[in-house]
Amino acid sequence: MSTWKTLAIAATLGLSALSATAGQMQPQKDAQGFSVYRSAPGKADQLLDRAIEYMQDNSTERAFAAFNNQAGSFHDNDLYVFVVGINDGVMHAYGGAPEAIVGENVLELKDAAGKPIVQAMLETLKREEQGQVDYVWLNRVTNKVEPKTTVVRRVGDYMVGVGYYTLGH
């Protein structure tokens, strides 16, 4: 993947839309429209559990469509689900900004410190069925690079994950 494309994907991921799910309390937003709400780690685990259950009970196409729906039940304030192919590194679902990254190979995606985060997540899943990866990422709400943790689990040939900012937790 070219450097400019990697940077464009990284910027898109950092600029992910943070819309509220229908029926949920409307999150407080900053001037650019980004959620200022920070979810607790337990909420990320719960969303991941729900996503995996949904993926196991439905076709992958239906699950990916549900995860990509920014107004759906798999987008909760600042939390959303993503799915990457373990064998090919392709992003199949991304609740933050699906139109910009779904279908792209994200193996070379790096955090703000240059750590290849998708590769780190996949390495974690080579050792165990689930895990977490800590990294630093630009939080578009605060416009600062902040620590972030993503919890990932293996479901067949896919890595399913949910990330949350750890500052303040």
Protein backbone atom coordinates (compact mmCIF):
# COMPACT_ATOMS: atom_id res chain seq x y z
CA MET A 1 0.00 0.00 0.00
CA SER A 2 1.40 3.42 -0.87
CA THR A 3 2.36 5.85 1.86
CA TRP A 4 -0.25 8.42 0.82
CA LYS A 5 -2.98 5.79 0.85
CA THR A 6 -1.88 4.56 4.29
CA LEU A 7 -1.95 8.15 5.56
CA ALA A 8 -5.37 8.74 4.02
CA ILE A 9 -6.74 5.62 5.68
CA ALA A 10 -5.20 6.59 9.02
CA ALA A 11 -6.70 10.06 8.78
CA THR A 12 -10.08 8.59 7.91
CA LEU A 13 -9.93 6.24 10.87
CA GLY A 14 -9.08 9.15 13.14
CA LEU A 15 -11.94 11.18 11.70
CA SER A 16 -14.53 8.45 12.18
CA ALA A 17 -18.06 9.65 12.48
CA LEU A 18 -19.35 9.26 16.00
CA SER A 19 -23.10 9.32 15.62
CA ALA A 20 -25.63 8.13 18.15
CA THR A 21 -27.64 5.00 17.59
CA ALA A 22 -31.36 5.52 17.09
CA GLY A 23 -33.17 5.25 20.39
CA GLN A 24 -30.09 6.04 22.47
CA MET A 25 -29.41 9.20 24.37
CA GLN A 26 -27.91 11.75 22.00
CA PRO A 27 -24.20 12.10 22.86
CA GLN A 28 -22.69 15.47 23.58
CA LYS A 29 -20.70 16.65 20.56
CA ASP A 30 -17.88 19.07 19.97
CA ALA A 31 -17.88 21.88 17.36
CA GLN A 32 -16.97 19.43 14.57
CA GLY A 33 -19.80 17.06 15.53
CA PHE A 34 -17.67 14.39 17.21
CA SER A 35 -18.82 12.67 20.39
CA VAL A 36 -17.12 13.85 23.57
CA TYR A 37 -18.44 10.78 25.38
CA ARG A 38 -15.86 8.16 26.41
CA SER A 39 -17.04 4.62 26.85
CA ALA A 40 -15.78 2.40 29.64
CA PRO A 41 -13.75 -0.70 28.70
CA GLY A 42 -16.61 -2.96 29.81
CA LYS A 43 -18.92 -1.38 27.22
CA ALA A 44 -16.41 -2.21 24.49
CA ASP A 45 -16.35 -5.83 25.66
CA GLN A 46 -20.15 -5.95 25.68
CA LEU A 47 -20.38 -4.53 22.16
CA LEU A 48 -17.80 -7.04 20.97
CA ASP A 49 -19.76 -9.91 22.59
CA ARG A 50 -22.95 -8.77 20.84
CA ALA A 51 -21.17 -8.40 17.50
CA ILE A 52 -19.67 -11.87 17.68
CA GLU A 53 -22.99 -13.42 18.64
CA TYR A 54 -24.63 -11.61 15.70
CA MET A 55 -21.89 -12.75 13.35
CA GLN A 56 -22.29 -16.37 14.46
CA ASP A 57 -26.09 -16.23 14.07
CA ASN A 58 -26.15 -14.50 10.66
CA SER A 59 -24.37 -14.58 7.32
CA THR A 60 -21.13 -12.62 7.12
CA GLU A 61 -22.71 -10.30 4.55
CA ARG A 62 -25.59 -9.48 6.89
CA ALA A 63 -23.23 -9.01 9.84
CA PHE A 64 -20.90 -6.74 7.85
CA ALA A 65 -23.86 -4.63 6.71
CA ALA A 66 -25.06 -4.29 10.30
CA PHE A 67 -21.58 -3.33 11.56
CA ASN A 68 -21.16 -0.75 8.76
CA ASN A 69 -24.50 0.90 9.58
CA GLN A 70 -23.52 3.99 11.58
CA ALA A 71 -27.11 4.44 12.76
CA GLY A 72 -27.46 0.79 13.80
CA SER A 73 -27.14 -1.08 17.06
CA PHE A 74 -23.43 -1.83 16.61
CA HIS A 75 -22.48 1.83 16.84
CA ASP A 76 -22.65 3.07 20.43
CA ASN A 77 -21.51 6.66 20.98
CA ASP A 78 -17.70 6.42 20.57
CA LEU A 79 -17.68 2.63 20.08
CA TYR A 80 -18.11 0.71 16.84
CA VAL A 81 -17.22 -2.70 15.43
CA PHE A 82 -14.65 -3.47 12.76
CA VAL A 83 -13.81 -6.73 10.97
CA VAL A 84 -10.55 -7.57 9.18
CA GLY A 85 -9.83 -10.75 7.19
CA ILE A 86 -7.14 -12.72 8.99
CA ASN A 87 -5.74 -14.21 5.79
CA ASP A 88 -5.80 -11.11 3.58
CA GLY A 89 -5.76 -8.05 5.87
CA VAL A 90 -8.80 -6.57 4.13
CA MET A 91 -11.23 -4.44 6.15
CA HIS A 92 -14.67 -6.02 5.69
CA ALA A 93 -16.60 -3.86 8.14
CA TYR A 94 -15.81 -0.58 9.84
CA GLY A 95 -18.50 1.20 11.81
CA GLY A 96 -16.50 4.42 12.02
CA ALA A 97 -16.39 5.37 8.33
CA PRO A 98 -17.15 2.34 6.14
CA GLU A 99 -17.26 4.23 2.85
CA ALA A 100 -13.60 5.18 3.17
CA ILE A 101 -11.94 1.94 4.24
CA VAL A 102 -14.09 -1.15 3.66
CA GLY A 103 -12.45 -3.27 0.98
CA GLU A 104 -8.98 -1.83 1.64
CA ASN A 105 -5.97 -3.83 2.81
CA VAL A 106 -5.03 -2.37 6.21
CA LEU A 107 -2.01 -4.53 7.10
CA GLU A 108 0.34 -1.55 6.85
CA LEU A 109 -1.81 0.77 8.98
CA LYS A 110 0.32 2.36 11.71
CA ASP A 111 -0.49 4.28 14.87
CA ALA A 112 0.83 7.76 15.67
CA ALA A 113 4.10 6.23 16.97
CA GLY A 114 4.63 4.13 13.84
CA LYS A 115 3.47 0.81 15.33
CA PRO A 116 1.77 -1.43 12.74
CA ILE A 117 -1.43 -1.88 14.74
CA VAL A 118 -3.36 -4.28 12.52
CA GLN A 119 -0.32 -6.56 12.33
CA ALA A 120 -0.05 -6.39 16.14
CA MET A 121 -3.72 -7.33 16.48
CA LEU A 122 -3.34 -10.26 14.09
CA GLU A 123 -0.20 -11.44 15.91
CA THR A 124 -2.19 -11.45 19.15
CA LEU A 125 -4.77 -13.72 17.53
CA LYS A 126 -2.07 -16.14 16.36
CA ARG A 127 -1.30 -16.83 20.04
CA GLU A 128 -4.84 -16.86 21.40
CA GLU A 129 -8.48 -16.58 20.30
CA GLN A 130 -8.86 -13.15 21.88
CA GLY A 131 -6.69 -10.36 23.18
CA GLN A 132 -6.06 -6.66 23.23
CA VAL A 133 -3.60 -4.26 21.69
CA ASP A 134 -2.59 -0.91 23.15
CA TYR A 135 -1.43 1.88 20.87
CA VAL A 136 -1.62 5.65 20.42
CA TRP A 137 -4.12 7.27 18.07
CA LEU A 138 -5.24 10.75 17.14
CA ASN A 139 -8.49 11.48 18.96
CA ARG A 140 -10.33 13.87 16.65
CA VAL A 141 -12.44 15.19 19.54
CA THR A 142 -9.47 16.40 21.59
CA ASN A 143 -7.16 16.72 18.56
CA LYS A 144 -4.48 15.00 20.64
CA VAL A 145 -2.68 11.71 20.29
CA GLU A 146 -4.06 9.55 23.10
CA PRO A 147 -3.67 5.98 24.33
CA LYS A 148 -6.21 3.59 22.88
CA THR A 149 -6.95 -0.09 23.47
CA THR A 150 -8.64 -2.40 21.00
CA VAL A 151 -10.07 -5.73 22.08
CA VAL A 152 -10.06 -8.35 19.32
CA ARG A 153 -11.40 -11.85 18.90
CA ARG A 154 -11.08 -14.43 16.18
CA VAL A 155 -14.28 -15.61 14.50
CA GLY A 156 -13.38 -18.13 11.81
CA ASP A 157 -11.19 -16.33 9.27
CA TYR A 158 -11.98 -12.88 10.66
CA MET A 159 -10.66 -10.60 13.36
CA VAL A 160 -13.51 -8.71 15.05
CA GLY A 161 -12.63 -5.72 17.23
CA VAL A 162 -13.83 -2.72 19.20
CA GLY A 163 -11.50 0.06 20.36
CA TYR A 164 -11.77 2.68 23.09
CA TYR A 165 -9.64 5.59 24.29
CA THR A 166 -8.07 4.82 27.65
CA LEU A 167 -7.33 8.35 28.83
CA GLY A 168 -9.41 8.87 31.96
CA HIS A 169 -10.02 5.15 32.56
